[in-house]
C-alpha atoms as a PDB file:
ATOM      1  CA  UNK A   1      -1.653  76.944 -44.628  1.00  0.00           C
ATOM      2  CA  UNK A   2      -5.311  77.894 -44.918  1.00  0.00           C
ATOM      3  CA  UNK A   3      -7.195  75.186 -46.812  1.00  0.00           C
ATOM      4  CA  UNK A   4     -10.728  76.019 -47.811  1.00  0.00           C
ATOM      5  CA  UNK A   5     -13.264  73.560 -46.446  1.00  0.00           C
ATOM      6  CA  UNK A   6     -15.924  72.297 -48.761  1.00  0.00           C
ATOM      7  CA  UNK A   7     -19.268  73.536 -47.458  1.00  0.00           C
ATOM      8  CA  UNK A   8     -21.589  70.787 -46.357  1.00  0.00           C
ATOM      9  CA  UNK A   9     -24.649  70.413 -48.536  1.00  0.00           C
ATOM     10  CA  UNK A  10     -27.888  70.438 -46.577  1.00  0.00           C
ATOM     11  CA  UNK A  11     -30.125  67.437 -47.185  1.00  0.00           C
ATOM     12  CA  UNK A  12     -33.770  68.426 -47.442  1.00  0.00           C
ATOM     13  CA  UNK A  13     -36.166  65.847 -46.024  1.00  0.00           C
ATOM     14  CA  UNK A  14     -39.248  65.257 -48.183  1.00  0.00           C
ATOM     15  CA  UNK A  15     -42.064  62.689 -48.112  1.00  0.00           C
ATOM     16  CA  UNK A  16     -40.038  60.621 -50.635  1.00  0.00           C
ATOM     17  CA  UNK A  17     -36.831  60.623 -48.534  1.00  0.00           C
ATOM     18  CA  UNK A  18     -35.658  57.279 -47.176  1.00  0.00           C
ATOM     19  CA  UNK A  19     -34.070  58.146 -43.830  1.00  0.00           C
ATOM     20  CA  UNK A  20     -31.507  55.993 -42.054  1.00  0.00           C
ATOM     21  CA  UNK A  21     -28.830  56.496 -39.440  1.00  0.00           C
ATOM     22  CA  UNK A  22     -25.246  56.629 -40.684  1.00  0.00           C
ATOM     23  CA  UNK A  23     -22.980  53.780 -39.478  1.00  0.00           C
ATOM     24  CA  UNK A  24     -21.280  56.020 -36.889  1.00  0.00           C
ATOM     25  CA  UNK A  25     -24.620  56.786 -35.174  1.00  0.00           C
ATOM     26  CA  UNK A  26     -26.044  54.175 -32.799  1.00  0.00           C
ATOM     27  CA  UNK A  27     -29.648  53.891 -31.635  1.00  0.00           C
ATOM     28  CA  UNK A  28     -29.619  51.851 -28.443  1.00  0.00           C
ATOM     29  CA  UNK A  29     -32.017  50.833 -25.717  1.00  0.00           C
ATOM     30  CA  UNK A  30     -30.659  51.000 -22.180  1.00  0.00           C
ATOM     31  CA  UNK A  31     -32.617  48.170 -20.553  1.00  0.00           C
ATOM     32  CA  UNK A  32     -31.345  49.061 -17.069  1.00  0.00           C
ATOM     33  CA  UNK A  33     -32.796  52.556 -17.287  1.00  0.00           C
ATOM     34  CA  UNK A  34     -35.627  51.747 -19.682  1.00  0.00           C
ATOM     35  CA  UNK A  35     -34.567  54.526 -22.066  1.00  0.00           C
ATOM     36  CA  UNK A  36     -33.540  54.869 -25.697  1.00  0.00           C
ATOM     37  CA  UNK A  37     -30.433  56.830 -26.662  1.00  0.00           C
ATOM     38  CA  UNK A  38     -28.983  58.080 -29.913  1.00  0.00           C
ATOM     39  CA  UNK A  39     -25.217  57.883 -29.583  1.00  0.00           C
ATOM     40  CA  UNK A  40     -23.247  60.161 -31.882  1.00  0.00           C
ATOM     41  CA  UNK A  41     -19.590  61.158 -31.704  1.00  0.00           C
ATOM     42  CA  UNK A  42     -19.244  63.323 -28.604  1.00  0.00           C
ATOM     43  CA  UNK A  43     -23.034  63.642 -28.283  1.00  0.00           C
ATOM     44  CA  UNK A  44     -25.884  61.675 -26.738  1.00  0.00           C
ATOM     45  CA  UNK A  45     -29.535  62.365 -27.503  1.00  0.00           C
ATOM     46  CA  UNK A  46     -32.451  61.026 -25.491  1.00  0.00           C
ATOM     47  CA  UNK A  47     -35.390  61.045 -27.931  1.00  0.00           C
ATOM     48  CA  UNK A  48     -38.962  61.471 -26.747  1.00  0.00           C
ATOM     49  CA  UNK A  49     -41.473  58.594 -27.229  1.00  0.00           C
ATOM     50  CA  UNK A  50     -42.710  59.887 -30.616  1.00  0.00           C
ATOM     51  CA  UNK A  51     -39.161  60.349 -31.922  1.00  0.00           C
ATOM     52  CA  UNK A  52     -38.355  56.792 -30.809  1.00  0.00           C
ATOM     53  CA  UNK A  53     -41.220  55.413 -32.915  1.00  0.00           C
ATOM     54  CA  UNK A  54     -40.026  57.412 -35.922  1.00  0.00           C
ATOM     55  CA  UNK A  55     -36.372  56.421 -35.493  1.00  0.00           C
ATOM     56  CA  UNK A  56     -37.261  52.733 -35.166  1.00  0.00           C
ATOM     57  CA  UNK A  57     -38.684  52.960 -38.696  1.00  0.00           C
ATOM     58  CA  UNK A  58     -35.714  54.779 -40.260  1.00  0.00           C
ATOM     59  CA  UNK A  59     -34.287  51.785 -42.076  1.00  0.00           C
ATOM     60  CA  UNK A  60     -33.226  53.432 -45.333  1.00  0.00           C
ATOM     61  CA  UNK A  61     -35.971  51.531 -47.175  1.00  0.00           C
ATOM     62  CA  UNK A  62     -39.208  53.114 -45.973  1.00  0.00           C
ATOM     63  CA  UNK A  63     -39.990  56.608 -47.141  1.00  0.00           C
ATOM     64  CA  UNK A  64     -40.965  59.387 -44.775  1.00  0.00           C
ATOM     65  CA  UNK A  65     -44.467  59.137 -46.236  1.00  0.00           C
ATOM     66  CA  UNK A  66     -44.631  55.406 -45.440  1.00  0.00           C
ATOM     67  CA  UNK A  67     -43.397  56.045 -41.911  1.00  0.00           C
ATOM     68  CA  UNK A  68     -46.053  58.756 -41.442  1.00  0.00           C
ATOM     69  CA  UNK A  69     -48.755  56.424 -42.798  1.00  0.00           C
ATOM     70  CA  UNK A  70     -47.760  53.719 -40.312  1.00  0.00           C
ATOM     71  CA  UNK A  71     -47.772  56.190 -37.425  1.00  0.00           C
ATOM     72  CA  UNK A  72     -51.113  57.688 -38.471  1.00  0.00           C
ATOM     73  CA  UNK A  73     -52.646  54.193 -38.431  1.00  0.00           C
ATOM     74  CA  UNK A  74     -50.938  53.132 -35.186  1.00  0.00           C
ATOM     75  CA  UNK A  75     -51.988  56.283 -33.339  1.00  0.00           C
ATOM     76  CA  UNK A  76     -55.256  56.983 -35.172  1.00  0.00           C
ATOM     77  CA  UNK A  77     -54.002  60.481 -35.966  1.00  0.00           C
ATOM     78  CA  UNK A  78     -54.375  62.772 -39.005  1.00  0.00           C
ATOM     79  CA  UNK A  79     -51.864  61.784 -41.689  1.00  0.00           C
ATOM     80  CA  UNK A  80     -50.968  65.339 -42.760  1.00  0.00           C
ATOM     81  CA  UNK A  81     -50.201  66.380 -39.188  1.00  0.00           C
ATOM     82  CA  UNK A  82     -48.050  63.286 -38.623  1.00  0.00           C
ATOM     83  CA  UNK A  83     -46.250  63.812 -41.946  1.00  0.00           C
ATOM     84  CA  UNK A  84     -45.498  67.464 -41.170  1.00  0.00           C
ATOM     85  CA  UNK A  85     -44.199  66.650 -37.677  1.00  0.00           C
ATOM     86  CA  UNK A  86     -42.140  63.697 -38.955  1.00  0.00           C
ATOM     87  CA  UNK A  87     -40.492  65.777 -41.674  1.00  0.00           C
ATOM     88  CA  UNK A  88     -39.736  68.543 -39.162  1.00  0.00           C
ATOM     89  CA  UNK A  89     -38.136  66.154 -36.667  1.00  0.00           C
ATOM     90  CA  UNK A  90     -36.123  64.287 -39.301  1.00  0.00           C
ATOM     91  CA  UNK A  91     -34.954  67.574 -40.844  1.00  0.00           C
ATOM     92  CA  UNK A  92     -33.645  68.712 -37.474  1.00  0.00           C
ATOM     93  CA  UNK A  93     -31.815  65.397 -36.976  1.00  0.00           C
ATOM     94  CA  UNK A  94     -30.485  65.495 -40.543  1.00  0.00           C
ATOM     95  CA  UNK A  95     -29.113  68.999 -39.952  1.00  0.00           C
ATOM     96  CA  UNK A  96     -27.274  67.611 -36.889  1.00  0.00           C
ATOM     97  CA  UNK A  97     -25.886  64.696 -38.916  1.00  0.00           C
ATOM     98  CA  UNK A  98     -27.834  62.074 -36.971  1.00  0.00           C
ATOM     99  CA  UNK A  99     -29.997  60.972 -39.921  1.00  0.00           C
ATOM    100  CA  UNK A 100     -29.152  60.687 -43.601  1.00  0.00           C
ATOM    101  CA  UNK A 101     -31.616  60.444 -46.454  1.00  0.00           C
END
């Protein structure tokens, strides 16, 4: 029997999105190796240092714009550049099912 699958709707990340990790995704620090890992079913991601700082702030409360503002202040970097890069990274992770918004 050939059942039609419902196509997955793509979430578009915007400055107003409030990203968080779904319950089945774990963001863990491996103290022995000194590395952060994103653990997803049958996948493991090792985020770079910038992605780690973004993911630490993905609590489902803060907006992408608030996260970018915090990062711009913390790193003394241009807000628009940080916002653009943050949206791009979160969109990629959302497309992989690692982040929801």
